[in-house]
Amino acid sequence: PFINAILLAIEGLWIMESLSIATDA
């Protein structure tokens, strides 16, 4: 469950970056 939570956070960053609505650097 811990691994899954970390991966979901990483994947969220990927998607936000891909849609150009991500946080700044």
PDB file of all heavy atoms in Angstrom:
ATOM      1  N   PRO A   1       0.817  -1.221   0.000  1.00  0.00           N
ATOM      2  CA  PRO A   1       0.000   0.000   0.000  1.00  0.00           C
ATOM      3  C   PRO A   1       0.848   1.269   0.000  1.00  0.00           C
ATOM      4  O   PRO A   1       0.490   2.265  -0.641  1.00  0.00           O
ATOM      5  CB  PRO A   1      -0.820  -0.120   1.286  1.00  0.00           C
ATOM      6  CG  PRO A   1      -0.888  -1.584   1.544  1.00  0.00           C
ATOM      7  CD  PRO A   1       0.455  -2.111   1.115  1.00  0.00           C
ATOM      8  N   PHE A   2       1.965   1.224   0.698  1.00  0.00           N
ATOM      9  CA  PHE A   2       2.861   2.378   0.726  1.00  0.00           C
ATOM     10  C   PHE A   2       3.462   2.616  -0.651  1.00  0.00           C
ATOM     11  O   PHE A   2       3.500   3.748  -1.148  1.00  0.00           O
ATOM     12  CB  PHE A   2       3.974   2.152   1.756  1.00  0.00           C
ATOM     13  CG  PHE A   2       4.990   3.260   1.800  1.00  0.00           C
ATOM     14  CD1 PHE A   2       4.747   4.415   2.502  1.00  0.00           C
ATOM     15  CD2 PHE A   2       6.195   3.134   1.105  1.00  0.00           C
ATOM     16  CE1 PHE A   2       5.680   5.447   2.533  1.00  0.00           C
ATOM     17  CE2 PHE A   2       7.130   4.157   1.124  1.00  0.00           C
ATOM     18  CZ  PHE A   2       6.868   5.328   1.841  1.00  0.00           C
ATOM     19  N   ILE A   3       3.932   1.558  -1.286  1.00  0.00           N
ATOM     20  CA  ILE A   3       4.503   1.668  -2.630  1.00  0.00           C
ATOM     21  C   ILE A   3       3.469   2.230  -3.600  1.00  0.00           C
ATOM     22  O   ILE A   3       3.770   3.123  -4.405  1.00  0.00           O
ATOM     23  CB  ILE A   3       4.993   0.297  -3.130  1.00  0.00           C
ATOM     24  CG1 ILE A   3       6.111  -0.233  -2.237  1.00  0.00           C
ATOM     25  CG2 ILE A   3       5.462   0.375  -4.583  1.00  0.00           C
ATOM     26  CD1 ILE A   3       6.429  -1.687  -2.458  1.00  0.00           C
ATOM     27  N   ASN A   4       2.260   1.728  -3.505  1.00  0.00           N
ATOM     28  CA  ASN A   4       1.198   2.178  -4.395  1.00  0.00           C
ATOM     29  C   ASN A   4       0.953   3.673  -4.233  1.00  0.00           C
ATOM     30  O   ASN A   4       0.764   4.397  -5.217  1.00  0.00           O
ATOM     31  CB  ASN A   4      -0.078   1.389  -4.118  1.00  0.00           C
ATOM     32  CG  ASN A   4      -1.095   1.506  -5.225  1.00  0.00           C
ATOM     33  OD1 ASN A   4      -0.748   1.753  -6.381  1.00  0.00           O
ATOM     34  ND2 ASN A   4      -2.356   1.340  -4.889  1.00  0.00           N
ATOM     35  N   ALA A   5       0.956   4.143  -2.996  1.00  0.00           N
ATOM     36  CA  ALA A   5       0.731   5.571  -2.742  1.00  0.00           C
ATOM     37  C   ALA A   5       1.839   6.427  -3.357  1.00  0.00           C
ATOM     38  O   ALA A   5       1.574   7.468  -3.962  1.00  0.00           O
ATOM     39  CB  ALA A   5       0.648   5.825  -1.238  1.00  0.00           C
ATOM     40  N   ILE A   6       3.087   5.988  -3.240  1.00  0.00           N
ATOM     41  CA  ILE A   6       4.209   6.732  -3.822  1.00  0.00           C
ATOM     42  C   ILE A   6       4.120   6.734  -5.340  1.00  0.00           C
ATOM     43  O   ILE A   6       4.313   7.766  -5.998  1.00  0.00           O
ATOM     44  CB  ILE A   6       5.556   6.130  -3.368  1.00  0.00           C
ATOM     45  CG1 ILE A   6       5.731   6.276  -1.847  1.00  0.00           C
ATOM     46  CG2 ILE A   6       6.712   6.806  -4.105  1.00  0.00           C
ATOM     47  CD1 ILE A   6       5.811   7.699  -1.350  1.00  0.00           C
ATOM     48  N   LEU A   7       3.801   5.581  -5.916  1.00  0.00           N
ATOM     49  CA  LEU A   7       3.688   5.504  -7.371  1.00  0.00           C
ATOM     50  C   LEU A   7       2.550   6.393  -7.881  1.00  0.00           C
ATOM     51  O   LEU A   7       2.680   7.040  -8.925  1.00  0.00           O
ATOM     52  CB  LEU A   7       3.457   4.060  -7.816  1.00  0.00           C
ATOM     53  CG  LEU A   7       4.647   3.108  -7.664  1.00  0.00           C
ATOM     54  CD1 LEU A   7       4.270   1.713  -8.144  1.00  0.00           C
ATOM     55  CD2 LEU A   7       5.870   3.614  -8.414  1.00  0.00           C
ATOM     56  N   LEU A   8       1.440   6.434  -7.158  1.00  0.00           N
ATOM     57  CA  LEU A   8       0.335   7.298  -7.562  1.00  0.00           C
ATOM     58  C   LEU A   8       0.765   8.766  -7.553  1.00  0.00           C
ATOM     59  O   LEU A   8       0.371   9.537  -8.435  1.00  0.00           O
ATOM     60  CB  LEU A   8      -0.868   7.086  -6.635  1.00  0.00           C
ATOM     61  CG  LEU A   8      -1.654   5.797  -6.859  1.00  0.00           C
ATOM     62  CD1 LEU A   8      -2.655   5.581  -5.736  1.00  0.00           C
ATOM     63  CD2 LEU A   8      -2.383   5.846  -8.206  1.00  0.00           C
ATOM     64  N   ALA A   9       1.567   9.132  -6.582  1.00  0.00           N
ATOM     65  CA  ALA A   9       2.057  10.516  -6.527  1.00  0.00           C
ATOM     66  C   ALA A   9       2.978  10.814  -7.705  1.00  0.00           C
ATOM     67  O   ALA A   9       2.887  11.874  -8.341  1.00  0.00           O
ATOM     68  CB  ALA A   9       2.787  10.758  -5.209  1.00  0.00           C
ATOM     69  N   ILE A  10       3.867   9.876  -8.024  1.00  0.00           N
ATOM     70  CA  ILE A  10       4.772  10.045  -9.158  1.00  0.00           C
ATOM     71  C   ILE A  10       3.973  10.154 -10.455  1.00  0.00           C
ATOM     72  O   ILE A  10       4.216  11.027 -11.301  1.00  0.00           O
ATOM     73  CB  ILE A  10       5.758   8.864  -9.247  1.00  0.00           C
ATOM     74  CG1 ILE A  10       6.725   8.882  -8.066  1.00  0.00           C
ATOM     75  CG2 ILE A  10       6.537   8.920 -10.565  1.00  0.00           C
ATOM     76  CD1 ILE A  10       7.628   7.667  -8.009  1.00  0.00           C
ATOM     77  N   GLU A  11       3.010   9.268 -10.611  1.00  0.00           N
ATOM     78  CA  GLU A  11       2.195   9.265 -11.827  1.00  0.00           C
ATOM     79  C   GLU A  11       1.373  10.539 -11.939  1.00  0.00           C
ATOM     80  O   GLU A  11       1.139  11.055 -13.043  1.00  0.00           O
ATOM     81  CB  GLU A  11       1.292   8.024 -11.824  1.00  0.00           C
ATOM     82  CG  GLU A  11       2.072   6.731 -11.997  1.00  0.00           C
ATOM     83  CD  GLU A  11       1.388   5.521 -11.384  1.00  0.00           C
ATOM     84  OE1 GLU A  11       0.290   5.682 -10.809  1.00  0.00           O
ATOM     85  OE2 GLU A  11       1.959   4.427 -11.464  1.00  0.00           O
ATOM     86  N   GLY A  12       0.937  11.064 -10.796  1.00  0.00           N
ATOM     87  CA  GLY A  12       0.223  12.331 -10.807  1.00  0.00           C
ATOM     88  C   GLY A  12       1.099  13.457 -11.326  1.00  0.00           C
ATOM     89  O   GLY A  12       0.643  14.310 -12.101  1.00  0.00           O
ATOM     90  N   LEU A  13       2.358  13.448 -10.926  1.00  0.00           N
ATOM     91  CA  LEU A  13       3.299  14.447 -11.447  1.00  0.00           C
ATOM     92  C   LEU A  13       3.460  14.306 -12.950  1.00  0.00           C
ATOM     93  O   LEU A  13       3.481  15.297 -13.689  1.00  0.00           O
ATOM     94  CB  LEU A  13       4.660  14.294 -10.757  1.00  0.00           C
ATOM     95  CG  LEU A  13       4.788  14.860  -9.344  1.00  0.00           C
ATOM     96  CD1 LEU A  13       6.145  14.506  -8.763  1.00  0.00           C
ATOM     97  CD2 LEU A  13       4.595  16.366  -9.344  1.00  0.00           C
ATOM     98  N   TRP A  14       3.596  13.064 -13.429  1.00  0.00           N
ATOM     99  CA  TRP A  14       3.719  12.830 -14.877  1.00  0.00           C
ATOM    100  C   TRP A  14       2.540  13.435 -15.623  1.00  0.00           C
ATOM    101  O   TRP A  14       2.711  14.171 -16.599  1.00  0.00           O
ATOM    102  CB  TRP A  14       3.719  11.331 -15.172  1.00  0.00           C
ATOM    103  CG  TRP A  14       4.940  10.569 -14.813  1.00  0.00           C
ATOM    104  CD1 TRP A  14       6.082  11.043 -14.234  1.00  0.00           C
ATOM    105  CD2 TRP A  14       5.146   9.169 -15.001  1.00  0.00           C
ATOM    106  NE1 TRP A  14       6.970  10.031 -14.040  1.00  0.00           N
ATOM    107  CE2 TRP A  14       6.427   8.866 -14.501  1.00  0.00           C
ATOM    108  CE3 TRP A  14       4.360   8.149 -15.522  1.00  0.00           C
ATOM    109  CZ2 TRP A  14       6.958   7.585 -14.523  1.00  0.00           C
ATOM    110  CZ3 TRP A  14       4.881   6.870 -15.550  1.00  0.00           C
ATOM    111  CH2 TRP A  14       6.166   6.587 -15.059  1.00  0.00           C
ATOM    112  N   ILE A  15       1.344  13.109 -15.140  1.00  0.00           N
ATOM    113  CA  ILE A  15       0.146  13.555 -15.849  1.00  0.00           C
ATOM    114  C   ILE A  15       0.007  15.068 -15.809  1.00  0.00           C
ATOM    115  O   ILE A  15      -0.324  15.706 -16.814  1.00  0.00           O
ATOM    116  CB  ILE A  15      -1.097  12.863 -15.268  1.00  0.00           C
ATOM    117  CG1 ILE A  15      -1.041  11.367 -15.578  1.00  0.00           C
ATOM    118  CG2 ILE A  15      -2.376  13.481 -15.832  1.00  0.00           C
ATOM    119  CD1 ILE A  15      -2.114  10.550 -14.905  1.00  0.00           C
ATOM    120  N   MET A  16       0.264  15.670 -14.664  1.00  0.00           N
ATOM    121  CA  MET A  16       0.164  17.125 -14.550  1.00  0.00           C
ATOM    122  C   MET A  16       1.156  17.810 -15.489  1.00  0.00           C
ATOM    123  O   MET A  16       0.836  18.802 -16.142  1.00  0.00           O
ATOM    124  CB  MET A  16       0.411  17.558 -13.109  1.00  0.00           C
ATOM    125  CG  MET A  16      -0.664  17.103 -12.142  1.00  0.00           C
ATOM    126  SD  MET A  16      -2.265  17.890 -12.455  1.00  0.00           S
ATOM    127  CE  MET A  16      -1.995  19.484 -11.701  1.00  0.00           C
ATOM    128  N   GLU A  17       2.367  17.262 -15.566  1.00  0.00           N
ATOM    129  CA  GLU A  17       3.366  17.820 -16.471  1.00  0.00           C
ATOM    130  C   GLU A  17       2.918  17.644 -17.920  1.00  0.00           C
ATOM    131  O   GLU A  17       3.073  18.534 -18.751  1.00  0.00           O
ATOM    132  CB  GLU A  17       4.713  17.134 -16.260  1.00  0.00           C
ATOM    133  CG  GLU A  17       5.383  17.461 -14.934  1.00  0.00           C
ATOM    134  CD  GLU A  17       6.107  18.789 -14.958  1.00  0.00           C
ATOM    135  OE1 GLU A  17       6.285  19.366 -16.047  1.00  0.00           O
ATOM    136  OE2 GLU A  17       6.514  19.253 -13.867  1.00  0.00           O
ATOM    137  N   SER A  18       2.370  16.479 -18.229  1.00  0.00           N
ATOM    138  CA  SER A  18       1.992  16.196 -19.606  1.00  0.00           C
ATOM    139  C   SER A  18       0.862  17.098 -20.082  1.00  0.00           C
ATOM    140  O   SER A  18       0.759  17.403 -21.272  1.00  0.00           O
ATOM    141  CB  SER A  18       1.570  14.730 -19.758  1.00  0.00           C
ATOM    142  OG  SER A  18       0.300  14.501 -19.190  1.00  0.00           O
ATOM    143  N   LEU A  19       0.019  17.535 -19.163  1.00  0.00           N
ATOM    144  CA  LEU A  19      -1.097  18.401 -19.515  1.00  0.00           C
ATOM    145  C   LEU A  19      -0.751  19.878 -19.367  1.00  0.00           C
ATOM    146  O   LEU A  19      -1.604  20.741 -19.547  1.00  0.00           O
ATOM    147  CB  LEU A  19      -2.315  18.060 -18.637  1.00  0.00           C
ATOM    148  CG  LEU A  19      -2.861  16.633 -18.797  1.00  0.00           C
ATOM    149  CD1 LEU A  19      -3.991  16.395 -17.821  1.00  0.00           C
ATOM    150  CD2 LEU A  19      -3.320  16.403 -20.230  1.00  0.00           C
ATOM    151  N   SER A  20       0.501  20.146 -19.034  1.00  0.00           N
ATOM    152  CA  SER A  20       0.990  21.525 -18.887  1.00  0.00           C
ATOM    153  C   SER A  20       0.220  22.305 -17.828  1.00  0.00           C
ATOM    154  O   SER A  20       0.040  23.520 -17.931  1.00  0.00           O
ATOM    155  CB  SER A  20       0.903  22.267 -20.231  1.00  0.00           C
ATOM    156  OG  SER A  20       1.690  21.627 -21.197  1.00  0.00           O
ATOM    157  N   ILE A  21      -0.227  21.613 -16.788  1.00  0.00           N
ATOM    158  CA  ILE A  21      -0.879  22.307 -15.681  1.00  0.00           C
ATOM    159  C   ILE A  21      -0.181  21.950 -14.371  1.00  0.00           C
ATOM    160  O   ILE A  21      -0.789  21.984 -13.299  1.00  0.00           O
ATOM    161  CB  ILE A  21      -2.379  21.956 -15.602  1.00  0.00           C
ATOM    162  CG1 ILE A  21      -2.598  20.447 -15.544  1.00  0.00           C
ATOM    163  CG2 ILE A  21      -3.141  22.545 -16.771  1.00  0.00           C
ATOM    164  CD1 ILE A  21      -4.062  20.055 -15.359  1.00  0.00           C
ATOM    165  N   ALA A  22       1.081  21.600 -14.471  1.00  0.00           N
ATOM    166  CA  ALA A  22       1.831  21.162 -13.305  1.00  0.00           C
ATOM    167  C   ALA A  22       2.285  22.339 -12.463  1.00  0.00           C
ATOM    168  O   ALA A  22       2.187  23.501 -12.851  1.00  0.00           O
ATOM    169  CB  ALA A  22       3.038  20.340 -13.743  1.00  0.00           C
ATOM    170  N   THR A  23       2.790  22.005 -11.296  1.00  0.00           N
ATOM    171  CA  THR A  23       3.394  23.000 -10.435  1.00  0.00           C
ATOM    172  C   THR A  23       4.684  23.501 -11.076  1.00  0.00           C
ATOM    173  O   THR A  23       5.200  22.906 -12.012  1.00  0.00           O
ATOM    174  CB  THR A  23       3.731  22.376  -9.073  1.00  0.00           C
ATOM    175  OG1 THR A  23       4.553  21.213  -9.285  1.00  0.00           O
ATOM    176  CG2 THR A  23       2.466  21.948  -8.350  1.00  0.00           C
ATOM    177  N   ASP A  24       5.216  24.614 -10.544  1.00  0.00           N
ATOM    178  CA  ASP A  24       6.457  25.127 -11.109  1.00  0.00           C
ATOM    179  C   ASP A  24       7.639  24.317 -10.576  1.00  0.00           C
ATOM    180  O   ASP A  24       7.475  23.397  -9.773  1.00  0.00           O
ATOM    181  CB  ASP A  24       6.614  26.620 -10.821  1.00  0.00           C
ATOM    182  CG  ASP A  24       6.681  26.935  -9.325  1.00  0.00           C
ATOM    183  OD1 ASP A  24       7.119  26.068  -8.532  1.00  0.00           O
ATOM    184  OD2 ASP A  24       6.291  28.055  -8.950  1.00  0.00           O
ATOM    185  N   ALA A  25       8.837  24.666 -11.047  1.00  0.00           N
ATOM    186  CA  ALA A  25      10.022  23.866 -10.724  1.00  0.00           C
ATOM    187  C   ALA A  25      10.271  23.806  -9.217  1.00  0.00           C
ATOM    188  O   ALA A  25      10.621  22.745  -8.680  1.00  0.00           O
ATOM    189  CB  ALA A  25      11.237  24.438 -11.438  1.00  0.00           C
TER     190      ALA A  25
END
